[in-house]
N, C-alpha and C. Protein backbone atom coordinates (compact mmCIF):
# COMPACT_ATOMS: atom_id res chain seq x y z
N MET A 1 0.60 -1.24 0.04
CA MET A 1 -0.05 0.05 0.03
C MET A 1 0.87 1.20 -0.09
N TYR A 2 2.10 1.17 -0.06
CA TYR A 2 3.17 2.33 0.03
C TYR A 2 2.68 3.15 -1.17
N LYS A 3 2.43 2.66 -2.54
CA LYS A 3 2.27 3.52 -3.42
C LYS A 3 1.13 4.54 -3.17
N ASP A 4 0.59 4.26 -2.80
CA ASP A 4 -0.94 4.94 -2.62
C ASP A 4 -0.94 5.83 -1.50
N LEU A 5 0.33 5.89 -0.41
CA LEU A 5 0.30 6.66 0.75
C LEU A 5 0.00 8.03 0.55
N GLU A 6 0.92 8.60 -0.76
CA GLU A 6 0.99 9.97 -0.82
C GLU A 6 -0.30 10.63 -1.21
N THR A 7 -1.39 9.73 -1.85
CA THR A 7 -2.69 10.15 -2.42
C THR A 7 -3.38 10.28 -0.89
N ARG A 8 -3.07 9.04 -0.10
CA ARG A 8 -4.07 8.95 1.26
C ARG A 8 -3.63 9.72 2.20
N LEU A 9 -2.45 10.13 2.14
CA LEU A 9 -1.75 11.58 3.13
C LEU A 9 -2.82 13.23 2.45
N ARG A 10 -2.46 13.38 1.00
CA ARG A 10 -3.43 14.48 0.59
C ARG A 10 -4.71 14.38 0.79
N ARG A 11 -5.41 13.33 0.73
CA ARG A 11 -6.87 13.04 1.11
C ARG A 11 -7.32 13.79 2.75
N ILE A 12 -6.66 13.20 3.61
CA ILE A 12 -6.40 13.61 4.94
C ILE A 12 -6.32 14.86 5.12
N ARG A 13 -4.83 15.47 4.47
CA ARG A 13 -5.11 16.99 4.59
C ARG A 13 -6.19 17.86 4.25
N GLU A 14 -6.42 17.47 3.06
CA GLU A 14 -7.72 18.14 2.37
C GLU A 14 -9.11 17.91 3.37
N THR A 15 -9.21 16.78 3.79
CA THR A 15 -10.37 16.72 4.84
C THR A 15 -10.10 17.50 5.93
N ILE A 16 -8.89 17.90 6.58
CA ILE A 16 -8.61 18.72 7.80
C ILE A 16 -8.77 20.06 7.45
N GLU A 17 -8.38 20.46 6.37
CA GLU A 17 -8.65 21.84 6.14
C GLU A 17 -9.93 22.25 5.75
N GLU A 18 -11.07 21.34 5.42
CA GLU A 18 -12.20 21.68 4.75
C GLU A 18 -12.91 21.79 6.20
N GLU A 19 -12.39 20.91 7.30
CA GLU A 19 -13.32 20.98 8.55
C GLU A 19 -12.96 22.01 9.34
N THR A 20 -11.48 22.77 9.11
CA THR A 20 -11.11 23.71 9.50
C THR A 20 -11.79 25.04 9.13
N GLN A 21 -12.18 24.92 7.84
CA GLN A 21 -12.85 26.21 7.19
C GLN A 21 -14.11 26.00 7.88
N THR A 22 -14.98 25.01 8.12
CA THR A 22 -16.20 24.86 8.68
C THR A 22 -16.48 25.38 9.96
N TRP A 23 -15.10 24.94 10.55
CA TRP A 23 -15.17 26.24 12.10
C TRP A 23 -14.97 27.25 12.06
N ILE A 24 -14.12 27.99 11.29
CA ILE A 24 -14.25 29.49 10.99
C ILE A 24 -15.81 30.01 10.53
N THR A 25 -16.45 29.50 9.90
CA THR A 25 -17.42 29.71 9.32
C THR A 25 -18.31 29.79 10.74
N GLU A 26 -18.62 28.51 10.97
CA GLU A 26 -19.30 28.56 12.06
C GLU A 26 -19.42 28.98 13.23
N GLY A 27 -17.99 29.20 13.74
CA GLY A 27 -17.55 30.20 14.69
C GLY A 27 -17.80 31.55 14.47
N ALA A 28 -17.94 32.16 13.22
CA ALA A 28 -17.87 33.69 13.00
C ALA A 28 -19.69 33.58 13.28
N LYS A 29 -20.31 32.46 12.58
CA LYS A 29 -22.21 32.76 12.87
C LYS A 29 -22.29 32.76 14.28
N ALA A 30 -21.47 31.80 15.14
CA ALA A 30 -21.96 31.50 16.68
C ALA A 30 -21.68 32.93 17.30
N PHE A 31 -20.43 33.59 16.89
CA PHE A 31 -20.12 34.60 17.69
C PHE A 31 -21.02 35.91 17.45
N GLN A 32 -21.37 36.20 16.14
CA GLN A 32 -22.64 36.72 16.00
C GLN A 32 -23.89 36.63 16.77
N THR A 33 -24.10 35.46 16.99
CA THR A 33 -25.48 35.02 17.58
C THR A 33 -25.23 35.24 19.04
N SER A 34 -24.26 35.83 19.41
CA SER A 34 -24.13 35.67 21.17
C SER A 34 -23.58 34.17 21.64
N ASP A 35 -23.47 33.08 20.78
CA ASP A 35 -23.35 31.87 21.23
C ASP A 35 -22.68 31.59 22.80
N ARG A 36 -23.00 30.62 23.44
CA ARG A 36 -22.17 30.66 24.45
C ARG A 36 -21.02 30.15 24.56
N VAL A 37 -20.56 28.86 23.68
CA VAL A 37 -19.49 28.54 23.64
C VAL A 37 -18.49 29.76 22.83
N ALA A 38 -19.01 30.54 21.82
CA ALA A 38 -17.93 31.68 21.62
C ALA A 38 -17.84 32.60 22.15
N SER A 39 -18.80 32.95 23.41
CA SER A 39 -18.54 34.24 24.43
C SER A 39 -17.42 33.70 25.02
N ASN A 40 -17.46 32.50 25.71
CA ASN A 40 -16.83 31.98 26.38
C ASN A 40 -15.08 31.81 25.58
N LEU A 41 -15.30 31.47 24.42
CA LEU A 41 -13.86 31.38 23.87
C LEU A 41 -13.30 33.10 23.87
N LYS A 42 -14.01 34.10 23.31
CA LYS A 42 -13.79 35.35 23.39
C LYS A 42 -13.21 35.70 24.76
N SER A 43 -13.65 35.56 25.76
CA SER A 43 -13.20 35.98 27.06
C SER A 43 -12.41 34.85 27.63
N GLN A 44 -11.56 33.95 26.65
CA GLN A 44 -10.51 32.90 27.12
C GLN A 44 -9.43 33.77 26.39
N PHE A 45 -9.88 34.39 25.21
CA PHE A 45 -8.87 34.89 24.09
C PHE A 45 -8.48 36.22 24.92
N ASP A 46 -9.29 36.90 25.81
CA ASP A 46 -8.96 38.27 26.19
C ASP A 46 -8.33 37.93 27.35
N GLN A 47 -8.77 36.83 28.32
CA GLN A 47 -7.48 36.54 29.11
C GLN A 47 -5.92 36.27 28.88
N CYS A 48 -6.25 35.52 28.02
CA CYS A 48 -4.77 34.91 27.23
C CYS A 48 -3.84 36.55 26.76
N GLN A 49 -4.76 37.05 26.11
CA GLN A 49 -3.84 38.14 25.36
C GLN A 49 -3.19 38.79 27.06
N LEU A 50 -4.16 39.21 27.45
CA LEU A 50 -3.79 40.06 28.66
C LEU A 50 -2.64 39.45 29.48
N TYR A 51 -2.78 38.30 29.91
CA TYR A 51 -1.50 37.68 30.56
C TYR A 51 -0.49 37.55 29.84
N PHE A 52 -0.70 37.35 28.12
CA PHE A 52 0.92 37.49 27.58
C PHE A 52 1.26 38.87 27.07
N SER A 53 0.37 39.89 27.41
CA SER A 53 1.24 41.18 27.46
C SER A 53 2.22 41.66 28.25
N SER A 54 1.82 40.63 29.36
CA SER A 54 2.97 41.33 30.47
C SER A 54 4.27 40.47 30.45
N SER A 55 4.68 39.84 29.25
CA SER A 55 5.37 38.90 29.04
C SER A 55 6.28 38.14 30.47
N PRO A 56 5.01 37.13 30.85
CA PRO A 56 5.16 36.67 32.01
C PRO A 56 6.37 35.64 31.62
N LYS A 57 7.42 35.52 32.68
CA LYS A 57 8.66 34.53 32.54
C LYS A 57 9.25 34.71 31.12
N GLY A 58 9.60 36.04 30.74
CA GLY A 58 10.44 36.47 30.00
C GLY A 58 9.71 36.20 28.21
N ILE A 59 8.47 35.60 28.55
CA ILE A 59 8.19 35.19 27.19
C ILE A 59 7.09 36.26 26.57
N THR A 60 7.70 36.20 25.22
CA THR A 60 7.25 37.38 24.15
C THR A 60 6.11 36.84 23.34
N LEU A 61 4.91 37.19 23.45
CA LEU A 61 3.77 36.40 22.42
C LEU A 61 2.89 37.41 22.01
N THR A 62 2.84 37.00 21.01
CA THR A 62 1.66 38.17 20.19
C THR A 62 0.58 36.92 19.98
N LEU A 63 -1.03 37.48 20.38
CA LEU A 63 -2.04 36.85 20.17
C LEU A 63 -2.99 37.68 19.75
N GLU A 64 -3.64 37.33 18.73
CA GLU A 64 -4.83 38.01 17.77
C GLU A 64 -5.92 36.95 17.33
N MET A 65 -6.84 37.82 17.28
CA MET A 65 -8.17 37.02 17.05
C MET A 65 -8.48 37.45 15.48
N GLU A 66 -8.46 36.58 14.78
CA GLU A 66 -8.53 36.67 13.26
C GLU A 66 -10.18 36.77 12.59
N LYS A 67 -10.40 38.14 12.16
CA LYS A 67 -11.44 38.84 11.65
C LYS A 67 -12.94 38.64 12.69
N ASP A 68 -12.24 38.64 14.35
CA ASP A 68 -13.30 38.88 15.27
C ASP A 68 -13.91 37.71 15.65
N ASN A 69 -13.38 36.28 14.92
CA ASN A 69 -13.89 35.28 15.42
C ASN A 69 -12.77 34.84 16.42
N PRO A 70 -13.57 34.14 17.15
CA PRO A 70 -12.99 33.51 18.60
C PRO A 70 -12.57 32.05 18.70
N PHE A 71 -13.01 31.58 17.45
CA PHE A 71 -12.77 30.17 16.94
C PHE A 71 -11.11 30.15 16.17
N VAL A 72 -10.90 31.45 15.69
CA VAL A 72 -9.54 31.60 14.80
C VAL A 72 -8.52 32.33 15.69
N TRP A 73 -7.36 31.91 16.10
CA TRP A 73 -6.20 33.03 16.89
C TRP A 73 -5.19 32.57 15.99
N THR A 74 -4.39 33.47 16.03
CA THR A 74 -3.40 33.47 15.38
C THR A 74 -2.24 33.74 16.54
N MET A 75 -1.17 33.04 16.77
CA MET A 75 -0.12 33.46 17.86
C MET A 75 1.32 33.14 17.18
N VAL A 76 1.97 34.35 17.54
CA VAL A 76 2.99 34.50 16.87
C VAL A 76 4.52 34.52 18.00
N LEU A 77 5.38 33.49 18.31
CA LEU A 77 6.00 33.22 19.01
C LEU A 77 7.65 33.50 18.88
N PRO A 78 7.98 34.33 19.00
CA PRO A 78 9.66 34.61 18.25
C PRO A 78 10.52 33.59 18.83
N PRO A 79 11.86 33.02 17.95
CA PRO A 79 12.14 31.92 18.10
C PRO A 79 13.42 32.71 19.30
N ARG A 80 13.88 31.72 19.96
CA ARG A 80 15.04 32.04 20.74
C ARG A 80 16.23 32.46 20.47
N PRO A 81 16.82 33.24 20.88
CA PRO A 81 18.17 33.77 20.11
C PRO A 81 19.20 32.48 20.30
N LEU A 82 19.92 31.89 19.53
CA LEU A 82 20.90 30.71 19.60
C LEU A 82 21.76 31.13 20.31
N PHE A 83 22.21 32.36 20.94
CA PHE A 83 23.14 32.81 22.01
C PHE A 83 22.98 33.40 22.74
N PRO A 84 22.43 33.11 24.06
CA PRO A 84 22.02 34.27 24.75
C PRO A 84 22.70 35.53 25.34
N LEU A 85 22.29 36.50 25.36
CA LEU A 85 22.65 37.66 25.30
C LEU A 85 23.65 37.84 26.63
N GLY A 86 24.79 38.78 26.27
CA GLY A 86 25.83 38.97 27.75
C GLY A 86 26.60 37.62 27.71
N THR A 87 26.90 36.70 26.69
CA THR A 87 27.74 35.86 26.70
C THR A 87 28.90 36.05 25.63
């Protein structure tokens, strides 16, 4: 079955992408209708954003909600320097 492996993996990836797009669409609708789950996710997002804005334990993290959709977050975590500063 090795010959079909790439085809099967591509189909799995397509299915994951389709499901992700469904979550994005449904999440936006849920937030607009003040759905409880969407509201909870928005609150969790706000808490996370507030927490990481203070750079806890030296962690710099940028957190954004895409298109006001609490089901889709973008997180940017810069890489650590290869050589610590001061060495």
